[in-house]
């Protein structure tokens, strides 16, 4: 049995990504995919709410996710807008920004 090294290929090929509000949500946004995110753990609340507030993901619950998938599946312009906002929200440079901030603190 072969386990994939990651989900990048699957996420990049997805027309709509439904995921919890963790790292996979961030990866799907970075890839510019339309994302429906569920807060499945308390520590995901801020990330889901923040990205939803920016229009980069649609926040859902287990009760609403099916209807949201149906709505997006039937609305190409909404998917495109969501994908564009997702790609703009996550630049993939977070680790570099943190390292730069730490370097500035240490050098002072």
Protein backbone atom coordinates (compact mmCIF):
# COMPACT_ATOMS: atom_id res chain seq x y z
CA UNK A 1 0.00 0.00 0.00
CA UNK A 2 1.30 3.47 -0.92
CA UNK A 3 0.52 6.47 1.25
CA UNK A 4 0.71 9.84 -0.53
CA UNK A 5 3.25 12.40 0.68
CA UNK A 6 0.51 15.01 0.99
CA UNK A 7 -2.79 16.23 -0.34
CA UNK A 8 -1.51 18.93 -2.69
CA UNK A 9 -2.45 17.10 -5.90
CA UNK A 10 -5.91 16.21 -4.63
CA UNK A 11 -6.56 19.70 -3.28
CA UNK A 12 -5.35 21.34 -6.49
CA UNK A 13 -7.70 19.16 -8.54
CA UNK A 14 -10.75 19.70 -6.33
CA UNK A 15 -13.59 21.84 -7.59
CA UNK A 16 -14.67 22.49 -4.00
CA UNK A 17 -12.71 21.59 -0.87
CA UNK A 18 -14.63 20.67 2.28
CA UNK A 19 -12.31 20.49 5.25
CA UNK A 20 -11.86 21.20 8.92
CA UNK A 21 -10.37 24.56 9.86
CA UNK A 22 -6.78 23.39 10.28
CA UNK A 23 -3.71 23.13 8.09
CA UNK A 24 -5.55 21.51 5.18
CA UNK A 25 -7.83 24.57 5.03
CA UNK A 26 -4.77 26.81 4.80
CA UNK A 27 -3.19 24.61 2.13
CA UNK A 28 -6.38 24.62 0.05
CA UNK A 29 -6.58 28.41 0.33
CA UNK A 30 -2.94 28.75 -0.71
CA UNK A 31 -3.74 26.68 -3.79
CA UNK A 32 -6.61 29.05 -4.62
CA UNK A 33 -9.41 26.51 -4.21
CA UNK A 34 -12.96 27.33 -3.12
CA UNK A 35 -13.08 26.14 0.49
CA UNK A 36 -15.90 25.23 2.83
CA UNK A 37 -14.46 25.03 6.33
CA UNK A 38 -15.89 23.43 9.45
CA UNK A 39 -14.72 24.27 12.93
CA UNK A 40 -14.26 20.79 14.33
CA UNK A 41 -11.99 21.77 17.22
CA UNK A 42 -12.03 24.86 19.39
CA UNK A 43 -8.55 25.93 18.24
CA UNK A 44 -9.87 26.25 14.66
CA UNK A 45 -12.43 28.95 15.52
CA UNK A 46 -10.27 32.01 14.88
CA UNK A 47 -8.81 30.72 11.63
CA UNK A 48 -12.19 29.78 10.18
CA UNK A 49 -13.85 32.99 11.35
CA UNK A 50 -10.99 35.14 10.10
CA UNK A 51 -10.86 33.61 6.64
CA UNK A 52 -14.65 33.58 6.38
CA UNK A 53 -14.66 37.27 7.33
CA UNK A 54 -12.22 37.92 4.48
CA UNK A 55 -14.45 36.01 2.06
CA UNK A 56 -11.71 33.39 1.61
CA UNK A 57 -13.73 30.43 2.93
CA UNK A 58 -17.35 29.69 3.64
CA UNK A 59 -17.84 28.63 7.24
CA UNK A 60 -20.15 25.66 7.69
CA UNK A 61 -21.42 23.32 10.34
CA UNK A 62 -22.21 19.64 9.93
CA UNK A 63 -25.84 20.70 9.53
CA UNK A 64 -25.21 23.33 6.83
CA UNK A 65 -22.34 21.86 4.81
CA UNK A 66 -24.55 19.91 2.38
CA UNK A 67 -26.60 22.95 1.39
CA UNK A 68 -23.48 25.08 1.01
CA UNK A 69 -21.86 22.47 -1.26
CA UNK A 70 -25.02 22.37 -3.39
CA UNK A 71 -25.15 26.18 -3.62
CA UNK A 72 -21.49 26.51 -4.61
CA UNK A 73 -21.66 23.60 -7.05
CA UNK A 74 -24.38 25.50 -8.90
CA UNK A 75 -22.71 28.94 -8.78
CA UNK A 76 -19.51 29.14 -10.82
CA UNK A 77 -19.01 32.85 -10.17
CA UNK A 78 -19.23 32.30 -6.40
CA UNK A 79 -16.64 29.51 -6.65
CA UNK A 80 -14.29 31.72 -8.67
CA UNK A 81 -14.65 34.63 -6.25
CA UNK A 82 -14.09 32.36 -3.28
CA UNK A 83 -11.02 30.80 -4.92
CA UNK A 84 -9.53 34.22 -5.73
CA UNK A 85 -10.08 35.45 -2.16
CA UNK A 86 -8.60 32.23 -0.75
CA UNK A 87 -5.46 32.55 -2.85
CA UNK A 88 -5.05 36.19 -1.87
CA UNK A 89 -5.54 35.51 1.84
CA UNK A 90 -2.74 32.96 2.23
CA UNK A 91 0.58 33.93 0.67
CA UNK A 92 2.57 30.93 1.92
CA UNK A 93 5.19 33.15 3.56
CA UNK A 94 4.07 32.73 7.17
CA UNK A 95 7.14 30.81 8.33
CA UNK A 96 9.45 33.42 6.77
CA UNK A 97 7.56 36.25 8.44
CA UNK A 98 7.78 34.54 11.83
CA UNK A 99 11.51 33.86 11.37
CA UNK A 100 12.08 37.52 10.41
CA UNK A 101 10.19 38.70 13.50
CA UNK A 102 12.21 36.39 15.75
CA UNK A 103 15.44 37.61 14.17
CA UNK A 104 14.45 41.23 14.82
CA UNK A 105 13.67 40.49 18.48
CA UNK A 106 16.92 38.58 18.99
CA UNK A 107 19.05 41.25 17.29
CA UNK A 108 17.74 44.06 19.52
